[in-house]
C-alpha atoms as a PDB file:
ATOM      1  CA  UNK A   1      11.602  33.318  22.948  1.00  0.00           C
ATOM      2  CA  UNK A   2       8.347  31.815  21.658  1.00  0.00           C
ATOM      3  CA  UNK A   3       5.850  30.895  24.354  1.00  0.00           C
ATOM      4  CA  UNK A   4       3.926  27.620  24.081  1.00  0.00           C
ATOM      5  CA  UNK A   5       0.588  29.445  23.764  1.00  0.00           C
ATOM      6  CA  UNK A   6       1.909  31.417  20.787  1.00  0.00           C
ATOM      7  CA  UNK A   7       3.219  28.249  19.170  1.00  0.00           C
ATOM      8  CA  UNK A   8      -0.117  26.505  19.717  1.00  0.00           C
ATOM      9  CA  UNK A   9      -1.918  29.460  18.107  1.00  0.00           C
ATOM     10  CA  UNK A  10       0.346  29.232  15.035  1.00  0.00           C
ATOM     11  CA  UNK A  11      -0.246  25.471  14.719  1.00  0.00           C
ATOM     12  CA  UNK A  12      -4.024  25.864  15.005  1.00  0.00           C
ATOM     13  CA  UNK A  13      -4.105  28.709  12.495  1.00  0.00           C
ATOM     14  CA  UNK A  14      -1.823  26.852  10.074  1.00  0.00           C
ATOM     15  CA  UNK A  15      -3.688  23.552  10.058  1.00  0.00           C
ATOM     16  CA  UNK A  16      -7.173  24.757  10.897  1.00  0.00           C
ATOM     17  CA  UNK A  17      -9.164  24.216  14.040  1.00  0.00           C
ATOM     18  CA  UNK A  18     -11.077  21.229  12.667  1.00  0.00           C
ATOM     19  CA  UNK A  19      -7.897  19.405  11.646  1.00  0.00           C
ATOM     20  CA  UNK A  20      -6.282  20.155  15.004  1.00  0.00           C
ATOM     21  CA  UNK A  21      -9.218  18.898  17.047  1.00  0.00           C
ATOM     22  CA  UNK A  22     -10.182  15.783  15.087  1.00  0.00           C
ATOM     23  CA  UNK A  23      -7.152  14.315  13.374  1.00  0.00           C
ATOM     24  CA  UNK A  24      -5.447  12.231  16.061  1.00  0.00           C
ATOM     25  CA  UNK A  25      -1.659  12.361  16.614  1.00  0.00           C
ATOM     26  CA  UNK A  26       0.142  15.704  16.398  1.00  0.00           C
ATOM     27  CA  UNK A  27       3.225  14.011  14.921  1.00  0.00           C
ATOM     28  CA  UNK A  28       3.124  11.773  11.845  1.00  0.00           C
ATOM     29  CA  UNK A  29       2.815   8.217  13.147  1.00  0.00           C
ATOM     30  CA  UNK A  30       0.659   5.111  13.037  1.00  0.00           C
ATOM     31  CA  UNK A  31      -0.346   2.335  15.417  1.00  0.00           C
ATOM     32  CA  UNK A  32      -2.058  -0.786  14.105  1.00  0.00           C
ATOM     33  CA  UNK A  33      -3.229  -3.954  15.840  1.00  0.00           C
ATOM     34  CA  UNK A  34      -3.332  -7.158  13.769  1.00  0.00           C
ATOM     35  CA  UNK A  35      -4.596 -10.619  14.637  1.00  0.00           C
ATOM     36  CA  UNK A  36      -3.603 -13.780  12.785  1.00  0.00           C
ATOM     37  CA  UNK A  37      -4.656 -17.400  13.132  1.00  0.00           C
ATOM     38  CA  UNK A  38      -0.993 -18.354  12.784  1.00  0.00           C
ATOM     39  CA  UNK A  39       1.761 -18.956  15.329  1.00  0.00           C
ATOM     40  CA  UNK A  40       3.934 -15.890  15.982  1.00  0.00           C
ATOM     41  CA  UNK A  41       6.969 -17.762  14.624  1.00  0.00           C
ATOM     42  CA  UNK A  42       5.268 -17.869  11.181  1.00  0.00           C
ATOM     43  CA  UNK A  43       4.301 -14.185  11.342  1.00  0.00           C
ATOM     44  CA  UNK A  44       7.824 -13.258  12.462  1.00  0.00           C
ATOM     45  CA  UNK A  45       9.447 -15.208   9.617  1.00  0.00           C
ATOM     46  CA  UNK A  46       7.111 -13.680   7.019  1.00  0.00           C
ATOM     47  CA  UNK A  47       7.755 -10.106   8.190  1.00  0.00           C
ATOM     48  CA  UNK A  48      11.540 -10.459   8.473  1.00  0.00           C
ATOM     49  CA  UNK A  49      11.708 -12.086   5.029  1.00  0.00           C
ATOM     50  CA  UNK A  50       9.648  -9.235   3.523  1.00  0.00           C
ATOM     51  CA  UNK A  51      11.751  -6.508   5.157  1.00  0.00           C
ATOM     52  CA  UNK A  52      14.909  -8.088   3.764  1.00  0.00           C
ATOM     53  CA  UNK A  53      13.293  -8.551   0.334  1.00  0.00           C
ATOM     54  CA  UNK A  54      12.485  -4.826   0.085  1.00  0.00           C
ATOM     55  CA  UNK A  55      15.862  -3.461   1.229  1.00  0.00           C
ATOM     56  CA  UNK A  56      17.040  -1.915  -2.053  1.00  0.00           C
ATOM     57  CA  UNK A  57      15.674   0.920  -4.169  1.00  0.00           C
ATOM     58  CA  UNK A  58      15.241  -1.465  -7.141  1.00  0.00           C
ATOM     59  CA  UNK A  59      12.015  -2.836  -5.636  1.00  0.00           C
ATOM     60  CA  UNK A  60      10.491   0.634  -6.126  1.00  0.00           C
ATOM     61  CA  UNK A  61      11.145   0.593  -9.870  1.00  0.00           C
ATOM     62  CA  UNK A  62       7.426   0.177 -10.613  1.00  0.00           C
ATOM     63  CA  UNK A  63       6.448   3.035  -8.282  1.00  0.00           C
ATOM     64  CA  UNK A  64       5.405   3.254  -4.685  1.00  0.00           C
ATOM     65  CA  UNK A  65       7.438   2.932  -1.500  1.00  0.00           C
ATOM     66  CA  UNK A  66       7.864  -0.840  -1.249  1.00  0.00           C
ATOM     67  CA  UNK A  67      11.615  -0.490  -0.883  1.00  0.00           C
ATOM     68  CA  UNK A  68      14.378   0.859   1.349  1.00  0.00           C
ATOM     69  CA  UNK A  69      13.410  -1.078   4.474  1.00  0.00           C
ATOM     70  CA  UNK A  70      16.278  -1.885   6.835  1.00  0.00           C
ATOM     71  CA  UNK A  71      16.069  -4.512   9.560  1.00  0.00           C
ATOM     72  CA  UNK A  72      17.507  -3.162  12.815  1.00  0.00           C
ATOM     73  CA  UNK A  73      16.893  -6.143  15.112  1.00  0.00           C
ATOM     74  CA  UNK A  74      14.585  -9.132  15.269  1.00  0.00           C
ATOM     75  CA  UNK A  75      13.396 -11.788  17.667  1.00  0.00           C
ATOM     76  CA  UNK A  76      10.246 -13.878  17.580  1.00  0.00           C
ATOM     77  CA  UNK A  77       8.625 -11.311  19.925  1.00  0.00           C
ATOM     78  CA  UNK A  78       9.919  -7.987  18.559  1.00  0.00           C
ATOM     79  CA  UNK A  79      11.030  -6.636  15.179  1.00  0.00           C
ATOM     80  CA  UNK A  80      12.645  -3.231  14.706  1.00  0.00           C
ATOM     81  CA  UNK A  81      13.240  -1.689  11.281  1.00  0.00           C
ATOM     82  CA  UNK A  82      13.563   1.609   9.459  1.00  0.00           C
ATOM     83  CA  UNK A  83      11.966   2.742   6.232  1.00  0.00           C
ATOM     84  CA  UNK A  84      13.329   5.506   4.027  1.00  0.00           C
ATOM     85  CA  UNK A  85      10.934   7.017   1.503  1.00  0.00           C
ATOM     86  CA  UNK A  86      12.193   6.702  -2.047  1.00  0.00           C
ATOM     87  CA  UNK A  87      11.146  10.194  -3.126  1.00  0.00           C
ATOM     88  CA  UNK A  88      11.706  12.526  -0.156  1.00  0.00           C
ATOM     89  CA  UNK A  89      14.287  10.392   1.699  1.00  0.00           C
ATOM     90  CA  UNK A  90      12.366  10.786   4.975  1.00  0.00           C
ATOM     91  CA  UNK A  91      12.952   8.044   7.536  1.00  0.00           C
ATOM     92  CA  UNK A  92      10.441   6.312   9.787  1.00  0.00           C
ATOM     93  CA  UNK A  93      11.084   3.980  12.723  1.00  0.00           C
ATOM     94  CA  UNK A  94       9.035   0.764  12.608  1.00  0.00           C
ATOM     95  CA  UNK A  95       8.349  -1.718  15.405  1.00  0.00           C
ATOM     96  CA  UNK A  96       6.307  -4.904  15.556  1.00  0.00           C
ATOM     97  CA  UNK A  97       5.522  -6.555  18.911  1.00  0.00           C
ATOM     98  CA  UNK A  98       4.295 -10.158  18.553  1.00  0.00           C
ATOM     99  CA  UNK A  99       2.339 -11.891  21.334  1.00  0.00           C
ATOM    100  CA  UNK A 100       1.062 -15.454  21.151  1.00  0.00           C
ATOM    101  CA  UNK A 101      -2.411 -16.406  22.333  1.00  0.00           C
ATOM    102  CA  UNK A 102      -4.778 -19.359  21.959  1.00  0.00           C
ATOM    103  CA  UNK A 103      -2.250 -21.971  23.108  1.00  0.00           C
ATOM    104  CA  UNK A 104       0.401 -20.429  20.808  1.00  0.00           C
ATOM    105  CA  UNK A 105      -1.672 -21.048  17.680  1.00  0.00           C
ATOM    106  CA  UNK A 106      -2.567 -17.376  17.108  1.00  0.00           C
ATOM    107  CA  UNK A 107      -0.569 -14.159  17.022  1.00  0.00           C
ATOM    108  CA  UNK A 108      -1.440 -10.592  18.033  1.00  0.00           C
ATOM    109  CA  UNK A 109       0.816  -7.958  16.472  1.00  0.00           C
ATOM    110  CA  UNK A 110       1.036  -4.386  17.748  1.00  0.00           C
ATOM    111  CA  UNK A 111       2.811  -2.299  15.127  1.00  0.00           C
ATOM    112  CA  UNK A 112       4.029   1.292  15.156  1.00  0.00           C
ATOM    113  CA  UNK A 113       5.615   3.544  12.539  1.00  0.00           C
ATOM    114  CA  UNK A 114       6.849   7.011  13.549  1.00  0.00           C
ATOM    115  CA  UNK A 115       8.391   9.678  11.331  1.00  0.00           C
ATOM    116  CA  UNK A 116      11.857  10.664  12.531  1.00  0.00           C
ATOM    117  CA  UNK A 117      11.459  14.255  11.270  1.00  0.00           C
ATOM    118  CA  UNK A 118      10.371  16.388  14.213  1.00  0.00           C
ATOM    119  CA  UNK A 119       8.399  18.679  11.898  1.00  0.00           C
ATOM    120  CA  UNK A 120       6.343  15.899  10.242  1.00  0.00           C
ATOM    121  CA  UNK A 121       2.721  16.558  11.162  1.00  0.00           C
ATOM    122  CA  UNK A 122       0.883  15.110   8.160  1.00  0.00           C
ATOM    123  CA  UNK A 123       1.946  12.201   5.957  1.00  0.00           C
ATOM    124  CA  UNK A 124      -0.978  11.207   3.658  1.00  0.00           C
ATOM    125  CA  UNK A 125      -0.990   7.811   5.383  1.00  0.00           C
ATOM    126  CA  UNK A 126       2.701   7.021   4.766  1.00  0.00           C
ATOM    127  CA  UNK A 127       3.264   5.572   8.235  1.00  0.00           C
ATOM    128  CA  UNK A 128       0.217   3.321   7.832  1.00  0.00           C
ATOM    129  CA  UNK A 129       1.468   2.134   4.445  1.00  0.00           C
ATOM    130  CA  UNK A 130       4.948   1.409   5.872  1.00  0.00           C
ATOM    131  CA  UNK A 131       3.296  -1.206   8.065  1.00  0.00           C
ATOM    132  CA  UNK A 132       0.473  -2.423   5.824  1.00  0.00           C
ATOM    133  CA  UNK A 133       2.723  -2.908   2.781  1.00  0.00           C
ATOM    134  CA  UNK A 134       4.865  -5.355   4.768  1.00  0.00           C
ATOM    135  CA  UNK A 135       1.798  -7.260   5.980  1.00  0.00           C
ATOM    136  CA  UNK A 136       0.332  -7.432   2.483  1.00  0.00           C
ATOM    137  CA  UNK A 137       3.655  -8.110   0.729  1.00  0.00           C
ATOM    138  CA  UNK A 138       4.375 -11.024   3.054  1.00  0.00           C
ATOM    139  CA  UNK A 139       0.965 -12.561   2.295  1.00  0.00           C
ATOM    140  CA  UNK A 140      -0.288 -12.131   5.856  1.00  0.00           C
ATOM    141  CA  UNK A 141      -3.473 -10.338   4.725  1.00  0.00           C
ATOM    142  CA  UNK A 142      -4.543 -13.771   3.404  1.00  0.00           C
ATOM    143  CA  UNK A 143      -3.721 -15.576   6.666  1.00  0.00           C
ATOM    144  CA  UNK A 144      -6.526 -17.323   8.537  1.00  0.00           C
ATOM    145  CA  UNK A 145      -8.090 -15.126  11.195  1.00  0.00           C
ATOM    146  CA  UNK A 146      -6.611 -11.929   9.696  1.00  0.00           C
ATOM    147  CA  UNK A 147      -8.049  -8.856  11.394  1.00  0.00           C
ATOM    148  CA  UNK A 148      -6.826  -5.248  11.426  1.00  0.00           C
ATOM    149  CA  UNK A 149      -7.712  -2.557  13.954  1.00  0.00           C
ATOM    150  CA  UNK A 150      -6.724   1.071  13.355  1.00  0.00           C
ATOM    151  CA  UNK A 151      -8.260   4.472  12.609  1.00  0.00           C
ATOM    152  CA  UNK A 152      -7.393   8.067  11.743  1.00  0.00           C
ATOM    153  CA  UNK A 153      -7.046   8.671  15.470  1.00  0.00           C
ATOM    154  CA  UNK A 154      -4.375   5.953  15.720  1.00  0.00           C
ATOM    155  CA  UNK A 155      -2.788   6.689  12.324  1.00  0.00           C
ATOM    156  CA  UNK A 156      -2.072  10.111  10.900  1.00  0.00           C
ATOM    157  CA  UNK A 157      -4.299  10.569   7.844  1.00  0.00           C
ATOM    158  CA  UNK A 158      -5.118   6.846   7.579  1.00  0.00           C
ATOM    159  CA  UNK A 159      -8.207   7.625   5.491  1.00  0.00           C
ATOM    160  CA  UNK A 160      -5.952   9.298   2.870  1.00  0.00           C
ATOM    161  CA  UNK A 161      -3.616   6.290   2.598  1.00  0.00           C
ATOM    162  CA  UNK A 162      -2.942   5.038  -0.917  1.00  0.00           C
ATOM    163  CA  UNK A 163      -0.458   2.247  -0.319  1.00  0.00           C
ATOM    164  CA  UNK A 164       0.197   1.796  -4.042  1.00  0.00           C
ATOM    165  CA  UNK A 165       1.842   5.258  -3.858  1.00  0.00           C
ATOM    166  CA  UNK A 166       3.218   5.363  -0.296  1.00  0.00           C
END
């Protein structure tokens, strides 16, 4: 039987003390906050349309991971989806929570992507790209009032993210 202290020692030795102490989540995941000067209904429609557009592997023909999204459920306040990576076939759970503000003229989106694999510790920014690619692909990065808040602490390896690859 492996004791927790022994397991912790192995993790620290494997990934290095500096990585362990400064890198944020211990499981590959990402949390992002977005603000848009659009009603949540518009943001919702753009995201759901993009998820459905990128449901097949054919949209990855030019490279990257802008494919294999699957809509699980959707309402104007909450969207749930899954993303399967084209190369490794790993799966991540994706959620968007949409909250109106400013007399319903603006939308705050809290988004989360979490790797389903229990052993996923690093991801080169894959979970960030799962979310960002949908925002960019739907044209929401060009929306009035667009603002993104995240960091390496909130997103595993965010600073390594290359969303043209992941």
